[in-house]
Amino acid sequence: MPDFAGMTYLTFETCYYLGMKEWLSEKKKIVGEINSEYGKLIILVSLFFICVGLALTIFSLMVTQKLEVSFLDVGQGDAILIQTPSGKSMLIDGGPNNNILAKLAREMSYFNRKIDVMEETHSDADHIIGLIPVLEKFNVKEIILSKAVSDTKIFDDLNIHIKNENANTHVAVAGDIIDFHDGVIVKVIYPASNYIAKKNDTNDASISVEVIYGNETFLLTGDLPSTEELKLISGGVTKNITVYKAGHHGSKYSSSELLLTYIKPEYSVISAGKDNRYGHPNVEAIERLQKYSKEILSTIDRGTISFITDGRMMEVETGK
């Protein structure tokens, strides 16, 4: 007699197995389709980001690259920030206190803690005090030193920080060139290699440089007195300077008529503090600057003064 119960069981088991197989096959097909669509999505997303990246690269190449030179409002002192088209930075002097950090924060990216080149024009306190906190907060790659020396505690402290920074150091002499490889070149035009610094007259040792980008040239002379300015001319300073930082904060004993008649600056910038005890800028110096400059700008009245150029056209922005 046939075992109908067993047959029923086998039939049910077979049907169940076949049903499960068909169900699994269907699910596998669905999963395969999902994976296929997911793979296509990944490819499309990848292509999208590649296209965006290419577009940004092309756009960055098309956008005019600019140099920005900012005369920072640090009071009675000097601090000049140079930012090149490729994002390199150079800081010339740091002013008389740690206010330099707040000024740099306004001009640089919050996440940027690197300065490519730092320069001390000479060893006077109103130029180097601010360099100490900068060395504490920033990673400085190269430091340009003056031949000037000083027996002050501030100067000693700065040298300790420079040593601890482990940066490349170099004593500047005329003929040195800093090439940022993006069109911006900084040329040292003073002092000569045979110059011997005077211990009690640090201004004479002020490093003087030209910052050149395209058709625009900046002349930055620190506190160089008029007695040494003739050496700038004999050393080959550029005629018809775009921007001249008036020597020694607009002192009577800098920015001589001899120099100004030669460089005929379009802009002259005075970096000084309001109601300072030195009487800077001096009236006689202002008269000379007015005679040979198209425009005079002072950090006393205008705050931080920034010049932005593509090498052909110049824009000026001020903090006040």
Protein backbone atom coordinates (compact mmCIF):
# COMPACT_ATOMS: atom_id res chain seq x y z
CA MET A 1 0.00 0.00 0.00
CA PRO A 2 1.52 3.34 -0.99
CA ASP A 3 2.80 5.55 1.79
CA PHE A 4 0.70 8.60 1.02
CA ALA A 5 1.81 10.32 4.18
CA GLY A 6 5.45 9.93 3.18
CA MET A 7 4.67 11.07 -0.38
CA THR A 8 2.86 14.09 0.97
CA TYR A 9 5.88 14.93 3.11
CA LEU A 10 8.31 14.51 0.24
CA THR A 11 6.13 16.57 -2.05
CA PHE A 12 5.88 19.32 0.50
CA GLU A 13 9.62 19.20 1.16
CA THR A 14 10.36 19.27 -2.54
CA CYS A 15 7.97 22.15 -3.11
CA TYR A 16 9.43 24.01 -0.18
CA TYR A 17 12.97 23.50 -1.45
CA LEU A 18 12.03 24.54 -4.96
CA GLY A 19 10.16 27.54 -3.61
CA MET A 20 13.10 28.60 -1.48
CA LYS A 21 15.45 28.14 -4.42
CA GLU A 22 13.27 30.30 -6.59
CA TRP A 23 12.96 32.89 -3.81
CA LEU A 24 16.71 32.94 -3.26
CA SER A 25 17.28 33.19 -6.98
CA GLU A 26 14.91 36.14 -7.14
CA LYS A 27 16.59 37.79 -4.16
CA LYS A 28 20.03 37.20 -5.69
CA LYS A 29 18.83 38.81 -8.88
CA ILE A 30 17.51 41.80 -6.95
CA VAL A 31 20.76 42.09 -5.00
CA GLY A 32 22.68 41.87 -8.25
CA GLU A 33 20.58 44.63 -9.74
CA ILE A 34 21.10 46.75 -6.60
CA ASN A 35 24.85 46.16 -6.71
CA SER A 36 24.86 47.03 -10.38
CA GLU A 37 22.96 50.26 -9.75
CA TYR A 38 25.16 51.03 -6.73
CA GLY A 39 28.26 50.48 -8.83
CA LYS A 40 26.91 52.83 -11.47
CA LEU A 41 26.15 55.38 -8.76
CA ILE A 42 29.71 55.14 -7.42
CA ILE A 43 31.09 55.62 -10.92
CA LEU A 44 28.82 58.60 -11.53
CA VAL A 45 29.74 60.20 -8.18
CA SER A 46 33.43 59.61 -8.86
CA LEU A 47 33.13 61.16 -12.30
CA PHE A 48 31.28 64.11 -10.80
CA PHE A 49 34.04 64.84 -8.29
CA ILE A 50 36.72 64.38 -10.95
CA CYS A 51 34.92 66.92 -13.13
CA VAL A 52 34.55 69.32 -10.20
CA GLY A 53 38.25 68.97 -9.42
CA LEU A 54 39.21 69.63 -13.03
CA ALA A 55 36.86 72.62 -13.16
CA LEU A 56 38.36 74.09 -9.98
CA THR A 57 41.87 73.55 -11.30
CA ILE A 58 41.03 75.25 -14.60
CA PHE A 59 39.27 78.06 -12.73
CA SER A 60 42.25 78.61 -10.43
CA LEU A 61 44.51 78.85 -13.48
CA MET A 62 42.15 81.32 -15.14
CA VAL A 63 41.78 83.52 -12.04
CA THR A 64 44.40 86.26 -11.96
CA GLN A 65 47.07 85.53 -9.39
CA LYS A 66 47.79 88.45 -7.08
CA LEU A 67 50.47 89.69 -4.71
CA GLU A 68 49.39 91.38 -1.48
CA VAL A 69 51.71 93.59 0.55
CA SER A 70 50.26 94.81 3.85
CA PHE A 71 51.76 97.49 6.06
CA LEU A 72 50.35 96.37 9.38
CA ASP A 73 49.05 98.91 11.89
CA VAL A 74 51.29 97.98 14.82
CA GLY A 75 51.71 101.47 16.27
CA GLN A 76 55.15 103.05 16.48
CA GLY A 77 57.08 100.42 14.59
CA ASP A 78 57.27 98.41 11.39
CA ALA A 79 55.66 95.13 10.33
CA ILE A 80 55.09 94.24 6.68
CA LEU A 81 53.35 91.07 5.51
CA ILE A 82 53.94 89.86 1.97
CA GLN A 83 51.60 87.17 0.57
CA THR A 84 52.48 85.84 -2.87
CA PRO A 85 50.17 84.42 -5.57
CA SER A 86 51.09 80.83 -4.70
CA GLY A 87 50.29 81.31 -1.02
CA LYS A 88 53.84 81.88 0.22
CA SER A 89 54.37 84.46 2.97
CA MET A 90 57.15 86.76 4.14
CA LEU A 91 57.12 88.89 7.28
CA ILE A 92 59.47 91.87 7.46
CA ASP A 93 59.80 93.03 11.09
CA GLY A 94 57.22 92.47 13.82
CA GLY A 95 56.52 95.81 15.44
CA PRO A 96 56.97 96.90 19.07
CA ASN A 97 54.71 94.40 20.87
CA ASN A 98 52.67 91.20 20.52
CA ASN A 99 49.82 93.01 18.72
CA ILE A 100 51.38 91.57 15.59
CA LEU A 101 49.55 88.28 16.23
CA ALA A 102 46.12 89.92 16.05
CA LYS A 103 47.14 91.80 12.91
CA LEU A 104 48.37 88.63 11.22
CA ALA A 105 45.15 86.83 12.18
CA ARG A 106 43.19 89.40 10.17
CA GLU A 107 45.35 89.01 7.10
CA MET A 108 46.08 85.27 7.05
CA SER A 109 43.97 82.13 7.12
CA TYR A 110 43.04 81.00 10.65
CA PHE A 111 44.56 77.57 10.00
CA ASN A 112 47.79 78.93 8.53
CA ARG A 113 50.59 78.63 11.06
CA LYS A 114 53.47 78.84 8.60
CA ILE A 115 55.62 81.75 7.50
CA ASP A 116 58.04 80.96 4.70
CA VAL A 117 60.47 83.83 5.25
CA MET A 118 60.99 86.18 8.20
CA GLU A 119 63.28 89.21 8.05
CA GLU A 120 64.57 91.50 10.77
CA THR A 121 65.68 94.71 9.09
CA HIS A 122 67.79 95.65 12.12
CA SER A 123 67.90 95.14 15.87
CA ASP A 124 65.80 98.03 17.20
CA ALA A 125 63.03 97.05 19.61
CA ASP A 126 60.20 98.62 17.60
CA HIS A 127 61.05 96.23 14.78
CA ILE A 128 61.91 92.97 16.54
CA ILE A 129 59.81 92.62 19.72
CA GLY A 130 56.82 91.29 17.76
CA LEU A 131 58.98 88.67 16.03
CA ILE A 132 59.32 86.79 19.32
CA PRO A 133 55.61 85.82 19.70
CA VAL A 134 55.50 85.10 15.95
CA LEU A 135 58.31 82.55 16.38
CA GLU A 136 56.37 81.04 19.29
CA LYS A 137 53.13 80.66 17.32
CA PHE A 138 54.29 80.04 13.75
CA ASN A 139 56.54 77.59 11.97
CA VAL A 140 59.15 79.76 10.22
CA LYS A 141 61.17 78.11 7.45
CA GLU A 142 63.81 80.76 6.73
CA ILE A 143 65.05 83.78 8.70
CA ILE A 144 66.93 86.68 7.14
CA LEU A 145 69.18 88.43 9.65
CA SER A 146 70.66 91.91 9.73
CA LYS A 147 74.31 92.65 10.36
CA ALA A 148 73.16 94.93 13.18
CA VAL A 149 73.79 93.72 16.72
CA SER A 150 72.56 94.94 20.07
CA ASP A 151 73.37 94.33 23.72
CA THR A 152 69.72 94.49 24.81
CA LYS A 153 67.82 91.69 26.53
CA ILE A 154 65.19 91.82 23.77
CA PHE A 155 67.81 91.16 21.10
CA ASP A 156 69.23 88.27 23.13
CA ASP A 157 65.74 86.82 23.63
CA LEU A 158 65.04 87.02 19.91
CA ASN A 159 68.25 85.19 19.10
CA ILE A 160 67.33 82.41 21.54
CA HIS A 161 63.96 82.02 19.80
CA ILE A 162 65.64 82.01 16.39
CA LYS A 163 68.02 79.28 17.53
CA ASN A 164 65.15 77.20 18.93
CA GLU A 165 63.19 77.56 15.70
CA ASN A 166 65.79 75.50 13.81
CA ALA A 167 65.05 77.49 10.67
CA ASN A 168 67.52 78.21 7.90
CA THR A 169 69.24 81.51 8.73
CA HIS A 170 71.16 83.89 6.52
CA VAL A 171 72.75 87.32 7.03
CA ALA A 172 71.50 89.52 4.21
CA VAL A 173 73.82 91.33 1.81
CA ALA A 174 73.19 93.23 -1.42
CA GLY A 175 72.71 90.86 -4.32
CA ASP A 176 70.76 88.22 -2.38
CA ILE A 177 67.55 87.13 -4.12
CA ILE A 178 64.52 85.36 -2.70
CA ASP A 179 62.56 83.79 -5.56
CA PHE A 180 59.11 82.50 -4.61
CA HIS A 181 58.78 80.86 -8.06
CA ASP A 182 55.40 82.43 -8.74
CA GLY A 183 56.58 85.69 -10.29
CA VAL A 184 57.46 87.41 -7.00
CA ILE A 185 61.11 88.20 -6.37
CA VAL A 186 62.64 89.93 -3.35
CA LYS A 187 66.02 91.55 -4.02
CA VAL A 188 68.33 92.72 -1.25
CA ILE A 189 69.94 96.00 -2.34
CA TYR A 190 71.57 97.02 0.96
CA PRO A 191 73.90 96.57 2.85
CA ALA A 192 76.95 95.67 0.79
CA SER A 193 78.84 92.51 1.62
CA ASN A 194 81.77 94.54 3.02
CA TYR A 195 79.56 96.62 5.33
CA ILE A 196 80.63 96.56 8.98
CA ALA A 197 77.81 97.27 11.43
CA LYS A 198 78.20 100.00 14.03
CA LYS A 199 77.17 98.84 17.48
CA ASN A 200 75.61 102.16 18.50
CA ASP A 201 73.95 103.02 15.20
CA THR A 202 71.76 100.10 14.17
CA ASN A 203 69.68 102.11 11.67
CA ASP A 204 72.66 102.24 9.29
CA ALA A 205 72.49 98.45 9.00
CA SER A 206 68.80 98.32 7.96
CA ILE A 207 68.24 95.67 5.32
CA SER A 208 66.71 97.32 2.26
CA VAL A 209 64.82 95.25 -0.31
CA GLU A 210 62.81 95.55 -3.47
CA VAL A 211 59.74 93.36 -3.87
CA ILE A 212 59.07 92.91 -7.59
CA TYR A 213 56.01 91.45 -9.30
CA GLY A 214 55.36 92.19 -12.95
CA ASN A 215 55.47 95.93 -13.50
CA GLU A 216 55.11 96.78 -9.80
CA THR A 217 58.00 97.37 -7.38
CA PHE A 218 57.97 98.01 -3.64
CA LEU A 219 60.97 99.63 -1.92
CA LEU A 220 61.30 98.79 1.78
CA THR A 221 64.26 100.37 3.61
CA GLY A 222 63.60 99.84 7.31
CA ASP A 223 65.09 102.75 9.28
CA LEU A 224 67.82 103.51 6.76
CA PRO A 225 69.01 107.14 7.20
CA SER A 226 69.58 109.57 4.35
CA THR A 227 73.37 109.27 4.83
CA GLU A 228 73.13 105.72 3.45
CA GLU A 229 70.41 106.29 0.83
CA LEU A 230 72.95 107.30 -1.81
CA LYS A 231 74.22 103.72 -1.66
CA LEU A 232 70.78 102.53 -2.73
CA ILE A 233 71.11 104.56 -5.92
CA SER A 234 74.67 103.44 -6.60
CA GLY A 235 73.54 99.90 -5.80
CA GLY A 236 70.98 99.95 -8.59
CA VAL A 237 67.65 100.70 -6.92
CA THR A 238 64.80 100.74 -9.44
CA LYS A 239 63.65 104.07 -10.82
CA ASN A 240 59.97 105.00 -10.59
CA ILE A 241 59.01 102.80 -7.64
CA THR A 242 55.33 101.94 -7.23
CA VAL A 243 55.29 101.86 -3.41
CA TYR A 244 57.93 103.27 -1.08
CA LYS A 245 57.83 102.72 2.66
CA ALA A 246 59.13 106.00 4.01
CA GLY A 247 62.37 105.36 5.87
CA HIS A 248 62.41 105.43 9.67
CA HIS A 249 58.68 106.09 10.11
CA GLY A 250 58.85 109.40 8.27
CA SER A 251 61.87 110.73 10.15
CA LYS A 252 63.45 114.03 9.18
CA TYR A 253 66.68 112.13 8.57
CA SER A 254 65.34 109.66 5.99
CA SER A 255 63.56 109.90 2.62
CA SER A 256 66.05 112.40 1.28
CA GLU A 257 65.34 114.54 -1.74
CA LEU A 258 68.17 112.77 -3.54
CA LEU A 259 66.47 109.40 -3.17
CA LEU A 260 62.95 110.68 -3.87
CA THR A 261 63.95 112.46 -7.09
CA TYR A 262 65.38 109.16 -8.28
CA ILE A 263 62.61 106.72 -7.31
CA LYS A 264 59.58 109.08 -7.74
CA PRO A 265 57.19 106.75 -5.89
CA GLU A 266 53.53 106.54 -6.85
CA TYR A 267 52.62 105.78 -3.23
CA SER A 268 54.57 106.54 -0.07
CA VAL A 269 53.58 104.72 3.12
CA ILE A 270 54.38 105.94 6.62
CA SER A 271 54.29 103.36 9.41
CA ALA A 272 54.09 105.14 12.76
CA GLY A 273 52.05 105.41 15.95
CA LYS A 274 49.70 108.23 16.83
CA ASP A 275 51.18 110.93 19.10
CA ASN A 276 54.50 109.08 19.32
CA ARG A 277 57.29 110.67 21.35
CA TYR A 278 59.59 110.97 18.33
CA GLY A 279 57.34 113.33 16.41
CA HIS A 280 57.08 110.94 13.45
CA PRO A 281 56.29 111.70 10.73
CA ASN A 282 58.37 114.84 10.58
CA VAL A 283 56.92 117.88 8.76
CA GLU A 284 59.96 118.28 6.52
CA ALA A 285 59.85 114.63 5.53
CA ILE A 286 56.14 114.90 4.71
CA GLU A 287 56.83 117.94 2.50
CA ARG A 288 59.47 116.04 0.56
CA LEU A 289 57.20 113.01 0.18
CA GLN A 290 54.33 115.21 -1.02
CA LYS A 291 56.60 116.81 -3.58
CA TYR A 292 57.64 113.53 -5.22
CA SER A 293 54.80 111.08 -4.44
CA LYS A 294 51.37 110.93 -6.02
CA GLU A 295 49.80 109.82 -2.75
CA ILE A 296 50.88 109.45 0.88
CA LEU A 297 49.23 106.93 3.20
CA SER A 298 49.87 106.61 6.93
CA THR A 299 48.95 103.79 9.30
CA ILE A 300 48.12 106.51 11.86
CA ASP A 301 45.17 107.65 9.77
CA ARG A 302 44.37 104.60 7.65
CA GLY A 303 45.21 101.62 9.86
CA THR A 304 46.64 98.60 8.04
CA ILE A 305 47.35 99.50 4.41
CA SER A 306 47.27 96.70 1.82
CA PHE A 307 48.38 96.86 -1.79
CA ILE A 308 47.00 94.12 -4.05
CA THR A 309 48.35 93.70 -7.56
CA ASP A 310 48.35 91.30 -10.48
CA GLY A 311 51.61 92.82 -11.66
CA ARG A 312 49.87 95.39 -13.85
CA MET A 313 47.03 97.00 -11.89
CA MET A 314 47.10 98.08 -8.25
CA GLU A 315 44.32 98.09 -5.66
CA VAL A 316 44.61 99.72 -2.24
CA GLU A 317 42.67 98.65 0.84
CA THR A 318 42.88 100.33 4.24
CA GLY A 319 41.69 99.41 7.72
CA LYS A 320 40.16 102.83 8.38
